PDB file of N, CA and C in Angstrom:
ATOM      1  N   UNK A   1      20.034   3.081  -2.852  1.00  0.00           N
ATOM      2  CA  UNK A   1      19.564   1.733  -3.058  1.00  0.00           C
ATOM      3  C   UNK A   1      18.044   1.798  -3.289  1.00  0.00           C
ATOM      4  N   UNK A   2      17.575   0.952  -4.198  1.00  0.00           N
ATOM      5  CA  UNK A   2      16.167   0.929  -4.551  1.00  0.00           C
ATOM      6  C   UNK A   2      15.604  -0.480  -4.463  1.00  0.00           C
ATOM      7  N   UNK A   3      14.299  -0.569  -4.185  1.00  0.00           N
ATOM      8  CA  UNK A   3      13.587  -1.831  -4.245  1.00  0.00           C
ATOM      9  C   UNK A   3      12.651  -1.761  -5.439  1.00  0.00           C
ATOM     10  N   UNK A   4      12.832  -2.670  -6.375  1.00  0.00           N
ATOM     11  CA  UNK A   4      11.963  -2.747  -7.539  1.00  0.00           C
ATOM     12  C   UNK A   4      11.038  -3.931  -7.348  1.00  0.00           C
ATOM     13  N   UNK A   5       9.738  -3.647  -7.404  1.00  0.00           N
ATOM     14  CA  UNK A   5       8.718  -4.694  -7.310  1.00  0.00           C
ATOM     15  C   UNK A   5       7.972  -4.719  -8.635  1.00  0.00           C
ATOM     16  N   UNK A   6       8.025  -5.847  -9.298  1.00  0.00           N
ATOM     17  CA  UNK A   6       7.352  -6.009 -10.594  1.00  0.00           C
ATOM     18  C   UNK A   6       6.268  -7.053 -10.452  1.00  0.00           C
ATOM     19  N   UNK A   7       5.071  -6.685 -10.833  1.00  0.00           N
ATOM     20  CA  UNK A   7       3.955  -7.633 -10.845  1.00  0.00           C
ATOM     21  C   UNK A   7       3.687  -7.928 -12.315  1.00  0.00           C
ATOM     22  N   UNK A   8       3.911  -9.193 -12.709  1.00  0.00           N
ATOM     23  CA  UNK A   8       3.850  -9.563 -14.120  1.00  0.00           C
ATOM     24  C   UNK A   8       2.986 -10.807 -14.322  1.00  0.00           C
ATOM     25  N   UNK A   9       2.700 -11.105 -15.581  1.00  0.00           N
ATOM     26  CA  UNK A   9       1.988 -12.343 -15.905  1.00  0.00           C
ATOM     27  C   UNK A   9       2.888 -13.531 -15.551  1.00  0.00           C
ATOM     28  N   UNK A  10       2.316 -14.594 -14.953  1.00  0.00           N
ATOM     29  CA  UNK A  10       3.133 -15.748 -14.563  1.00  0.00           C
ATOM     30  C   UNK A  10       3.885 -16.381 -15.730  1.00  0.00           C
ATOM     31  N   UNK A  11       3.290 -16.375 -16.910  1.00  0.00           N
ATOM     32  CA  UNK A  11       3.948 -16.996 -18.068  1.00  0.00           C
ATOM     33  C   UNK A  11       5.152 -16.200 -18.557  1.00  0.00           C
ATOM     34  N   UNK A  12       5.342 -14.988 -18.048  1.00  0.00           N
ATOM     35  CA  UNK A  12       6.491 -14.158 -18.428  1.00  0.00           C
ATOM     36  C   UNK A  12       7.645 -14.267 -17.423  1.00  0.00           C
ATOM     37  N   UNK A  13       7.410 -14.927 -16.300  1.00  0.00           N
ATOM     38  CA  UNK A  13       8.398 -14.993 -15.219  1.00  0.00           C
ATOM     39  C   UNK A  13       9.754 -15.517 -15.684  1.00  0.00           C
ATOM     40  N   UNK A  14       9.788 -16.666 -16.321  1.00  0.00           N
ATOM     41  CA  UNK A  14      11.064 -17.265 -16.711  1.00  0.00           C
ATOM     42  C   UNK A  14      11.825 -16.381 -17.689  1.00  0.00           C
ATOM     43  N   UNK A  15      11.117 -15.792 -18.638  1.00  0.00           N
ATOM     44  CA  UNK A  15      11.776 -14.922 -19.618  1.00  0.00           C
ATOM     45  C   UNK A  15      12.345 -13.670 -18.953  1.00  0.00           C
ATOM     46  N   UNK A  16      11.574 -13.061 -18.046  1.00  0.00           N
ATOM     47  CA  UNK A  16      12.047 -11.853 -17.354  1.00  0.00           C
ATOM     48  C   UNK A  16      13.270 -12.173 -16.505  1.00  0.00           C
ATOM     49  N   UNK A  17      13.212 -13.249 -15.743  1.00  0.00           N
ATOM     50  CA  UNK A  17      14.359 -13.621 -14.909  1.00  0.00           C
ATOM     51  C   UNK A  17      15.587 -13.945 -15.758  1.00  0.00           C
ATOM     52  N   UNK A  18      15.396 -14.615 -16.886  1.00  0.00           N
ATOM     53  CA  UNK A  18      16.524 -14.942 -17.773  1.00  0.00           C
ATOM     54  C   UNK A  18      17.156 -13.674 -18.341  1.00  0.00           C
ATOM     55  N   UNK A  19      16.332 -12.719 -18.756  1.00  0.00           N
ATOM     56  CA  UNK A  19      16.855 -11.462 -19.316  1.00  0.00           C
ATOM     57  C   UNK A  19      17.544 -10.623 -18.246  1.00  0.00           C
ATOM     58  N   UNK A  20      16.999 -10.623 -17.037  1.00  0.00           N
ATOM     59  CA  UNK A  20      17.670  -9.905 -15.950  1.00  0.00           C
ATOM     60  C   UNK A  20      19.030 -10.522 -15.649  1.00  0.00           C
ATOM     61  N   UNK A  21      19.101 -11.853 -15.663  1.00  0.00           N
ATOM     62  CA  UNK A  21      20.371 -12.539 -15.434  1.00  0.00           C
ATOM     63  C   UNK A  21      21.369 -12.199 -16.536  1.00  0.00           C
ATOM     64  N   UNK A  22      20.917 -12.212 -17.797  1.00  0.00           N
ATOM     65  CA  UNK A  22      21.801 -11.851 -18.909  1.00  0.00           C
ATOM     66  C   UNK A  22      22.320 -10.427 -18.778  1.00  0.00           C
ATOM     67  N   UNK A  23      21.515  -9.547 -18.184  1.00  0.00           N
ATOM     68  CA  UNK A  23      21.908  -8.149 -18.001  1.00  0.00           C
ATOM     69  C   UNK A  23      22.772  -7.961 -16.749  1.00  0.00           C
ATOM     70  N   UNK A  24      23.014  -9.060 -15.996  1.00  0.00           N
ATOM     71  CA  UNK A  24      23.892  -8.985 -14.833  1.00  0.00           C
ATOM     72  C   UNK A  24      23.183  -8.828 -13.501  1.00  0.00           C
ATOM     73  N   UNK A  25      21.872  -8.993 -13.488  1.00  0.00           N
ATOM     74  CA  UNK A  25      21.093  -8.855 -12.253  1.00  0.00           C
ATOM     75  C   UNK A  25      20.553 -10.223 -11.867  1.00  0.00           C
ATOM     76  N   UNK A  26      21.276 -10.893 -10.957  1.00  0.00           N
ATOM     77  CA  UNK A  26      20.973 -12.285 -10.621  1.00  0.00           C
ATOM     78  C   UNK A  26      20.055 -12.426  -9.406  1.00  0.00           C
ATOM     79  N   UNK A  27      20.143 -11.496  -8.466  1.00  0.00           N
ATOM     80  CA  UNK A  27      19.430 -11.625  -7.197  1.00  0.00           C
ATOM     81  C   UNK A  27      17.993 -11.144  -7.335  1.00  0.00           C
ATOM     82  N   UNK A  28      17.055 -12.009  -6.979  1.00  0.00           N
ATOM     83  CA  UNK A  28      15.636 -11.652  -7.027  1.00  0.00           C
ATOM     84  C   UNK A  28      14.862 -12.563  -6.081  1.00  0.00           C
ATOM     85  N   UNK A  29      13.788 -12.037  -5.559  1.00  0.00           N
ATOM     86  CA  UNK A  29      12.830 -12.823  -4.787  1.00  0.00           C
ATOM     87  C   UNK A  29      11.576 -12.924  -5.637  1.00  0.00           C
ATOM     88  N   UNK A  30      11.077 -14.147  -5.808  1.00  0.00           N
ATOM     89  CA  UNK A  30       9.923 -14.382  -6.685  1.00  0.00           C
ATOM     90  C   UNK A  30       8.802 -15.011  -5.858  1.00  0.00           C
ATOM     91  N   UNK A  31       7.600 -14.429  -5.972  1.00  0.00           N
ATOM     92  CA  UNK A  31       6.454 -14.890  -5.200  1.00  0.00           C
ATOM     93  C   UNK A  31       5.247 -14.981  -6.130  1.00  0.00           C
ATOM     94  N   UNK A  32       4.518 -16.092  -6.055  1.00  0.00           N
ATOM     95  CA  UNK A  32       3.247 -16.194  -6.779  1.00  0.00           C
ATOM     96  C   UNK A  32       2.193 -15.451  -5.966  1.00  0.00           C
ATOM     97  N   UNK A  33       1.466 -14.552  -6.630  1.00  0.00           N
ATOM     98  CA  UNK A  33       0.449 -13.736  -5.967  1.00  0.00           C
ATOM     99  C   UNK A  33      -0.839 -13.745  -6.786  1.00  0.00           C
ATOM    100  N   UNK A  34      -1.910 -13.206  -6.231  1.00  0.00           N
ATOM    101  CA  UNK A  34      -3.146 -12.993  -6.974  1.00  0.00           C
ATOM    102  C   UNK A  34      -3.590 -11.561  -6.737  1.00  0.00           C
ATOM    103  N   UNK A  35      -4.322 -11.025  -7.690  1.00  0.00           N
ATOM    104  CA  UNK A  35      -4.815  -9.660  -7.541  1.00  0.00           C
ATOM    105  C   UNK A  35      -5.568  -9.237  -8.779  1.00  0.00           C
ATOM    106  N   UNK A  36      -5.902  -7.964  -8.799  1.00  0.00           N
ATOM    107  CA  UNK A  36      -6.573  -7.412  -9.972  1.00  0.00           C
ATOM    108  C   UNK A  36      -6.130  -5.972 -10.131  1.00  0.00           C
ATOM    109  N   UNK A  37      -6.188  -5.505 -11.359  1.00  0.00           N
ATOM    110  CA  UNK A  37      -5.812  -4.132 -11.652  1.00  0.00           C
ATOM    111  C   UNK A  37      -7.016  -3.318 -12.061  1.00  0.00           C
ATOM    112  N   UNK A  38      -6.777  -2.381 -12.939  1.00  0.00           N
ATOM    113  CA  UNK A  38      -7.836  -1.477 -13.391  1.00  0.00           C
ATOM    114  C   UNK A  38      -8.971  -2.203 -14.098  1.00  0.00           C
ATOM    115  N   UNK A  39      -8.658  -3.359 -14.682  1.00  0.00           N
ATOM    116  CA  UNK A  39      -9.699  -4.079 -15.429  1.00  0.00           C
ATOM    117  C   UNK A  39     -10.714  -4.753 -14.510  1.00  0.00           C
ATOM    118  N   UNK A  40     -10.498  -4.725 -13.191  1.00  0.00           N
ATOM    119  CA  UNK A  40     -11.427  -5.266 -12.193  1.00  0.00           C
ATOM    120  C   UNK A  40     -11.687  -6.754 -12.372  1.00  0.00           C
ATOM    121  N   UNK A  41     -10.713  -7.492 -12.832  1.00  0.00           N
ATOM    122  CA  UNK A  41     -10.876  -8.921 -13.025  1.00  0.00           C
ATOM    123  C   UNK A  41     -11.266  -9.253 -14.454  1.00  0.00           C
ATOM    124  N   UNK A  42     -11.605 -10.511 -14.660  1.00  0.00           N
ATOM    125  CA  UNK A  42     -11.972 -10.996 -15.985  1.00  0.00           C
ATOM    126  C   UNK A  42     -13.338 -11.656 -15.897  1.00  0.00           C
ATOM    127  N   UNK A  43     -14.215 -11.356 -16.849  1.00  0.00           N
ATOM    128  CA  UNK A  43     -15.523 -11.986 -16.902  1.00  0.00           C
ATOM    129  C   UNK A  43     -15.539 -12.973 -18.063  1.00  0.00           C
ATOM    130  N   UNK A  44     -15.803 -14.227 -17.750  1.00  0.00           N
ATOM    131  CA  UNK A  44     -15.925 -15.283 -18.755  1.00  0.00           C
ATOM    132  C   UNK A  44     -17.311 -15.895 -18.578  1.00  0.00           C
ATOM    133  N   UNK A  45     -18.180 -15.615 -19.533  1.00  0.00           N
ATOM    134  CA  UNK A  45     -19.574 -16.036 -19.390  1.00  0.00           C
ATOM    135  C   UNK A  45     -20.197 -15.295 -18.232  1.00  0.00           C
ATOM    136  N   UNK A  46     -20.792 -16.041 -17.309  1.00  0.00           N
ATOM    137  CA  UNK A  46     -21.404 -15.398 -16.140  1.00  0.00           C
ATOM    138  C   UNK A  46     -20.452 -15.352 -14.947  1.00  0.00           C
ATOM    139  N   UNK A  47     -19.264 -15.933 -15.097  1.00  0.00           N
ATOM    140  CA  UNK A  47     -18.289 -15.974 -13.997  1.00  0.00           C
ATOM    141  C   UNK A  47     -17.354 -14.766 -14.058  1.00  0.00           C
ATOM    142  N   UNK A  48     -17.118 -14.166 -12.907  1.00  0.00           N
ATOM    143  CA  UNK A  48     -16.163 -13.065 -12.799  1.00  0.00           C
ATOM    144  C   UNK A  48     -15.004 -13.553 -11.942  1.00  0.00           C
ATOM    145  N   UNK A  49     -13.814 -13.462 -12.491  1.00  0.00           N
ATOM    146  CA  UNK A  49     -12.593 -13.846 -11.780  1.00  0.00           C
ATOM    147  C   UNK A  49     -11.883 -12.564 -11.395  1.00  0.00           C
ATOM    148  N   UNK A  50     -11.933 -12.215 -10.102  1.00  0.00           N
ATOM    149  CA  UNK A  50     -11.317 -10.961  -9.681  1.00  0.00           C
ATOM    150  C   UNK A  50     -10.007 -11.172  -8.931  1.00  0.00           C
ATOM    151  N   UNK A  51      -9.568 -12.403  -8.831  1.00  0.00           N
ATOM    152  CA  UNK A  51      -8.250 -12.697  -8.282  1.00  0.00           C
ATOM    153  C   UNK A  51      -7.464 -13.409  -9.365  1.00  0.00           C
ATOM    154  N   UNK A  52      -6.723 -12.621 -10.126  1.00  0.00           N
ATOM    155  CA  UNK A  52      -5.980 -13.113 -11.277  1.00  0.00           C
ATOM    156  C   UNK A  52      -4.570 -13.522 -10.821  1.00  0.00           C
ATOM    157  N   UNK A  53      -4.085 -14.701 -11.205  1.00  0.00           N
ATOM    158  CA  UNK A  53      -2.721 -15.103 -10.851  1.00  0.00           C
ATOM    159  C   UNK A  53      -1.686 -14.173 -11.485  1.00  0.00           C
ATOM    160  N   UNK A  54      -0.711 -13.765 -10.695  1.00  0.00           N
ATOM    161  CA  UNK A  54       0.402 -12.937 -11.138  1.00  0.00           C
ATOM    162  C   UNK A  54       1.664 -13.424 -10.452  1.00  0.00           C
ATOM    163  N   UNK A  55       2.799 -12.901 -10.885  1.00  0.00           N
ATOM    164  CA  UNK A  55       4.078 -13.188 -10.245  1.00  0.00           C
ATOM    165  C   UNK A  55       4.684 -11.872  -9.784  1.00  0.00           C
ATOM    166  N   UNK A  56       5.178 -11.831  -8.560  1.00  0.00           N
ATOM    167  CA  UNK A  56       5.847 -10.666  -8.000  1.00  0.00           C
ATOM    168  C   UNK A  56       7.343 -10.942  -7.971  1.00  0.00           C
ATOM    169  N   UNK A  57       8.108 -10.078  -8.628  1.00  0.00           N
ATOM    170  CA  UNK A  57       9.573 -10.173  -8.597  1.00  0.00           C
ATOM    171  C   UNK A  57      10.084  -8.948  -7.847  1.00  0.00           C
ATOM    172  N   UNK A  58      10.855  -9.193  -6.791  1.00  0.00           N
ATOM    173  CA  UNK A  58      11.424  -8.097  -5.997  1.00  0.00           C
ATOM    174  C   UNK A  58      12.941  -8.133  -6.102  1.00  0.00           C
ATOM    175  N   UNK A  59      13.521  -6.942  -6.291  1.00  0.00           N
ATOM    176  CA  UNK A  59      14.969  -6.830  -6.422  1.00  0.00           C
ATOM    177  C   UNK A  59      15.453  -5.562  -5.728  1.00  0.00           C
ATOM    178  N   UNK A  60      16.494  -5.688  -4.927  1.00  0.00           N
ATOM    179  CA  UNK A  60      17.166  -4.514  -4.368  1.00  0.00           C
ATOM    180  C   UNK A  60      18.376  -4.238  -5.260  1.00  0.00           C
ATOM    181  N   UNK A  61      18.476  -3.003  -5.737  1.00  0.00           N
ATOM    182  CA  UNK A  61      19.536  -2.654  -6.695  1.00  0.00           C
ATOM    183  C   UNK A  61      20.135  -1.292  -6.344  1.00  0.00           C
ATOM    184  N   UNK A  62      21.344  -1.018  -6.828  1.00  0.00           N
ATOM    185  CA  UNK A  62      21.896   0.329  -6.690  1.00  0.00           C
ATOM    186  C   UNK A  62      21.081   1.326  -7.525  1.00  0.00           C
ATOM    187  N   UNK A  63      20.991   2.556  -7.062  1.00  0.00           N
ATOM    188  CA  UNK A  63      20.210   3.591  -7.754  1.00  0.00           C
ATOM    189  C   UNK A  63      20.575   3.708  -9.231  1.00  0.00           C
ATOM    190  N   UNK A  64      21.846   3.618  -9.536  1.00  0.00           N
ATOM    191  CA  UNK A  64      22.300   3.839 -10.918  1.00  0.00           C
ATOM    192  C   UNK A  64      21.871   2.741 -11.895  1.00  0.00           C
ATOM    193  N   UNK A  65      21.397   1.605 -11.387  1.00  0.00           N
ATOM    194  CA  UNK A  65      20.962   0.510 -12.260  1.00  0.00           C
ATOM    195  C   UNK A  65      19.464   0.548 -12.568  1.00  0.00           C
ATOM    196  N   UNK A  66      18.749   1.522 -12.007  1.00  0.00           N
ATOM    197  CA  UNK A  66      17.288   1.569 -12.134  1.00  0.00           C
ATOM    198  C   UNK A  66      16.817   1.522 -13.582  1.00  0.00           C
ATOM    199  N   UNK A  67      17.318   2.406 -14.423  1.00  0.00           N
ATOM    200  CA  UNK A  67      16.820   2.484 -15.797  1.00  0.00           C
ATOM    201  C   UNK A  67      17.049   1.184 -16.562  1.00  0.00           C
ATOM    202  N   UNK A  68      18.209   0.573 -16.363  1.00  0.00           N
ATOM    203  CA  UNK A  68      18.519  -0.672 -17.069  1.00  0.00           C
ATOM    204  C   UNK A  68      17.587  -1.805 -16.633  1.00  0.00           C
ATOM    205  N   UNK A  69      17.389  -1.944 -15.322  1.00  0.00           N
ATOM    206  CA  UNK A  69      16.534  -3.014 -14.803  1.00  0.00           C
ATOM    207  C   UNK A  69      15.082  -2.804 -15.244  1.00  0.00           C
ATOM    208  N   UNK A  70      14.583  -1.586 -15.117  1.00  0.00           N
ATOM    209  CA  UNK A  70      13.199  -1.303 -15.510  1.00  0.00           C
ATOM    210  C   UNK A  70      13.011  -1.557 -17.003  1.00  0.00           C
ATOM    211  N   UNK A  71      13.974  -1.166 -17.824  1.00  0.00           N
ATOM    212  CA  UNK A  71      13.874  -1.388 -19.265  1.00  0.00           C
ATOM    213  C   UNK A  71      13.796  -2.876 -19.591  1.00  0.00           C
ATOM    214  N   UNK A  72      14.639  -3.689 -18.950  1.00  0.00           N
ATOM    215  CA  UNK A  72      14.607  -5.140 -19.175  1.00  0.00           C
ATOM    216  C   UNK A  72      13.234  -5.699 -18.809  1.00  0.00           C
ATOM    217  N   UNK A  73      12.698  -5.287 -17.671  1.00  0.00           N
ATOM    218  CA  UNK A  73      11.399  -5.798 -17.223  1.00  0.00           C
ATOM    219  C   UNK A  73      10.294  -5.371 -18.182  1.00  0.00           C
ATOM    220  N   UNK A  74      10.262  -4.089 -18.522  1.00  0.00           N
ATOM    221  CA  UNK A  74       9.207  -3.587 -19.413  1.00  0.00           C
ATOM    222  C   UNK A  74       9.239  -4.267 -20.781  1.00  0.00           C
ATOM    223  N   UNK A  75      10.426  -4.419 -21.341  1.00  0.00           N
ATOM    224  CA  UNK A  75      10.539  -5.017 -22.673  1.00  0.00           C
ATOM    225  C   UNK A  75      10.189  -6.499 -22.663  1.00  0.00           C
ATOM    226  N   UNK A  76      10.574  -7.208 -21.603  1.00  0.00           N
ATOM    227  CA  UNK A  76      10.395  -8.654 -21.567  1.00  0.00           C
ATOM    228  C   UNK A  76       9.006  -9.060 -21.091  1.00  0.00           C
ATOM    229  N   UNK A  77       8.416  -8.306 -20.180  1.00  0.00           N
ATOM    230  CA  UNK A  77       7.114  -8.677 -19.613  1.00  0.00           C
ATOM    231  C   UNK A  77       5.939  -8.240 -20.482  1.00  0.00           C
ATOM    232  N   UNK A  78       6.190  -7.339 -21.418  1.00  0.00           N
ATOM    233  CA  UNK A  78       5.112  -6.827 -22.281  1.00  0.00           C
ATOM    234  C   UNK A  78       4.617  -7.923 -23.220  1.00  0.00           C
ATOM    235  N   UNK A  79       3.285  -7.975 -23.398  1.00  0.00           N
ATOM    236  CA  UNK A  79       2.668  -8.919 -24.322  1.00  0.00           C
ATOM    237  C   UNK A  79       2.547  -8.253 -25.685  1.00  0.00           C
ATOM    238  N   UNK A  80       3.193  -8.842 -26.694  1.00  0.00           N
ATOM    239  CA  UNK A  80       3.142  -8.272 -28.037  1.00  0.00           C
ATOM    240  C   UNK A  80       3.894  -6.952 -28.116  1.00  0.00           C
ATOM    241  N   UNK A  81       3.766  -6.264 -29.242  1.00  0.00           N
ATOM    242  CA  UNK A  81       4.486  -5.005 -29.434  1.00  0.00           C
ATOM    243  C   UNK A  81       3.936  -3.866 -28.595  1.00  0.00           C
ATOM    244  N   UNK A  82       2.616  -3.810 -28.475  1.00  0.00           N
ATOM    245  CA  UNK A  82       1.989  -2.681 -27.790  1.00  0.00           C
ATOM    246  C   UNK A  82       1.576  -2.992 -26.365  1.00  0.00           C
ATOM    247  N   UNK A  83       1.680  -4.245 -25.950  1.00  0.00           N
ATOM    248  CA  UNK A  83       1.250  -4.624 -24.621  1.00  0.00           C
ATOM    249  C   UNK A  83      -0.245  -4.845 -24.562  1.00  0.00           C
ATOM    250  N   UNK A  84      -0.722  -5.289 -23.388  1.00  0.00           N
ATOM    251  CA  UNK A  84      -2.138  -5.588 -23.202  1.00  0.00           C
ATOM    252  C   UNK A  84      -2.507  -5.359 -21.742  1.00  0.00           C
ATOM    253  N   UNK A  85      -3.817  -5.144 -21.495  1.00  0.00           N
ATOM    254  CA  UNK A  85      -4.283  -5.045 -20.121  1.00  0.00           C
ATOM    255  C   UNK A  85      -3.841  -6.290 -19.367  1.00  0.00           C
ATOM    256  N   UNK A  86      -3.385  -6.095 -18.143  1.00  0.00           N
ATOM    257  CA  UNK A  86      -2.982  -7.225 -17.320  1.00  0.00           C
ATOM    258  C   UNK A  86      -1.520  -7.604 -17.440  1.00  0.00           C
ATOM    259  N   UNK A  87      -0.739  -6.836 -18.235  1.00  0.00           N
ATOM    260  CA  UNK A  87       0.691  -7.142 -18.350  1.00  0.00           C
ATOM    261  C   UNK A  87       1.436  -6.875 -17.048  1.00  0.00           C
ATOM    262  N   UNK A  88       0.922  -5.967 -16.219  1.00  0.00           N
ATOM    263  CA  UNK A  88       1.523  -5.757 -14.912  1.00  0.00           C
ATOM    264  C   UNK A  88       1.936  -4.335 -14.628  1.00  0.00           C
ATOM    265  N   UNK A  89       2.682  -4.178 -13.546  1.00  0.00           N
ATOM    266  CA  UNK A  89       3.150  -2.875 -13.059  1.00  0.00           C
ATOM    267  C   UNK A  89       4.546  -3.044 -12.486  1.00  0.00           C
ATOM    268  N   UNK A  90       5.288  -1.938 -12.483  1.00  0.00           N
ATOM    269  CA  UNK A  90       6.600  -1.883 -11.838  1.00  0.00           C
ATOM    270  C   UNK A  90       6.554  -0.755 -10.815  1.00  0.00           C
ATOM    271  N   UNK A  91       6.911  -1.063  -9.591  1.00  0.00           N
ATOM    272  CA  UNK A  91       6.939  -0.076  -8.512  1.00  0.00           C
ATOM    273  C   UNK A  91       8.376   0.078  -8.021  1.00  0.00           C
ATOM    274  N   UNK A  92       8.795   1.313  -7.781  1.00  0.00           N
ATOM    275  CA  UNK A  92      10.161   1.585  -7.330  1.00  0.00           C
ATOM    276  C   UNK A  92      10.097   2.374  -6.031  1.00  0.00           C
ATOM    277  N   UNK A  93      10.801   1.872  -5.016  1.00  0.00           N
ATOM    278  CA  UNK A  93      10.820   2.517  -3.700  1.00  0.00           C
ATOM    279  C   UNK A  93      12.250   2.634  -3.205  1.00  0.00           C
ATOM    280  N   UNK A  94      12.539   3.686  -2.442  1.00  0.00           N
ATOM    281  CA  UNK A  94      13.878   3.787  -1.845  1.00  0.00           C
ATOM    282  C   UNK A  94      14.047   2.770  -0.718  1.00  0.00           C
ATOM    283  N   UNK A  95      15.274   2.307  -0.550  1.00  0.00           N
ATOM    284  CA  UNK A  95      15.629   1.415   0.554  1.00  0.00           C
ATOM    285  C   UNK A  95      16.643   2.168   1.406  1.00  0.00           C
ATOM    286  N   UNK A  96      16.327   2.378   2.664  1.00  0.00           N
ATOM    287  CA  UNK A  96      17.219   3.150   3.530  1.00  0.00           C
ATOM    288  C   UNK A  96      18.442   2.342   3.947  1.00  0.00           C
ATOM    289  N   UNK A  97      18.238   1.080   4.284  1.00  0.00           N
ATOM    290  CA  UNK A  97      19.342   0.231   4.721  1.00  0.00           C
ATOM    291  C   UNK A  97      19.052  -1.212   4.350  1.00  0.00           C
ATOM    292  N   UNK A  98      20.113  -1.995   4.197  1.00  0.00           N
ATOM    293  CA  UNK A  98      19.986  -3.432   3.971  1.00  0.00           C
ATOM    294  C   UNK A  98      21.173  -4.116   4.665  1.00  0.00           C
ATOM    295  N   UNK A  99      20.917  -5.286   5.205  1.00  0.00           N
ATOM    296  CA  UNK A  99      21.962  -6.045   5.910  1.00  0.00           C
ATOM    297  C   UNK A  99      21.932  -7.493   5.424  1.00  0.00           C
ATOM    298  N   UNK A 100      23.114  -8.083   5.291  1.00  0.00           N
ATOM    299  CA  UNK A 100      23.227  -9.504   5.001  1.00  0.00           C
ATOM    300  C   UNK A 100      23.209 -10.229   6.337  1.00  0.00           C
ATOM    301  N   UNK A 101      22.280 -11.130   6.513  1.00  0.00           N
ATOM    302  CA  UNK A 101      22.097 -11.789   7.803  1.00  0.00           C
ATOM    303  C   UNK A 101      23.332 -12.606   8.203  1.00  0.00           C
ATOM    304  N   UNK A 102      23.912 -13.379   7.274  1.00  0.00           N
ATOM    305  CA  UNK A 102      25.015 -14.263   7.624  1.00  0.00           C
ATOM    306  C   UNK A 102      26.248 -13.512   8.109  1.00  0.00           C
ATOM    307  N   UNK A 103      26.559 -12.371   7.504  1.00  0.00           N
ATOM    308  CA  UNK A 103      27.772 -11.631   7.879  1.00  0.00           C
ATOM    309  C   UNK A 103      27.494 -10.381   8.689  1.00  0.00           C
ATOM    310  N   UNK A 104      26.256  -9.900   8.638  1.00  0.00           N
ATOM    311  CA  UNK A 104      25.932  -8.645   9.305  1.00  0.00           C
ATOM    312  C   UNK A 104      26.366  -7.434   8.517  1.00  0.00           C
ATOM    313  N   UNK A 105      26.899  -7.666   7.295  1.00  0.00           N
ATOM    314  CA  UNK A 105      27.377  -6.559   6.461  1.00  0.00           C
ATOM    315  C   UNK A 105      26.226  -5.667   6.014  1.00  0.00           C
ATOM    316  N   UNK A 106      26.504  -4.369   6.013  1.00  0.00           N
ATOM    317  CA  UNK A 106      25.499  -3.389   5.579  1.00  0.00           C
ATOM    318  C   UNK A 106      25.655  -3.126   4.098  1.00  0.00           C
ATOM    319  N   UNK A 107      24.517  -2.986   3.384  1.00  0.00           N
ATOM    320  CA  UNK A 107      24.527  -2.684   1.952  1.00  0.00           C
ATOM    321  C   UNK A 107      24.173  -3.908   1.128  1.00  0.00           C
ATOM    322  N   UNK A 108      24.231  -3.705  -0.207  1.00  0.00           N
ATOM    323  CA  UNK A 108      23.909  -4.808  -1.101  1.00  0.00           C
ATOM    324  C   UNK A 108      25.067  -5.771  -1.116  1.00  0.00           C
TER     325      UNK A 108
END
């Protein structure tokens, strides 16, 4: 089992979630976040904005679905054909155990 955390542009959230749903991945936790990446924020005139709005999408998935889910996210969240600074990141971590609170069932 894996946890996929995607930090994407907020304007891409609906499209990414729709494409994940079309691909059969319905379960996700979505959180509005702020942060900065390698670009160290954005400078507009004399103002520097170092807390850029982003969206965090978290999904627990079976190991075998990793490539499909990552491909959907990368293709849908990318700006234009080649992408742009600030399009985001995808992080993948192992999940040792998961439980459904209502039933106590172990696993996804």
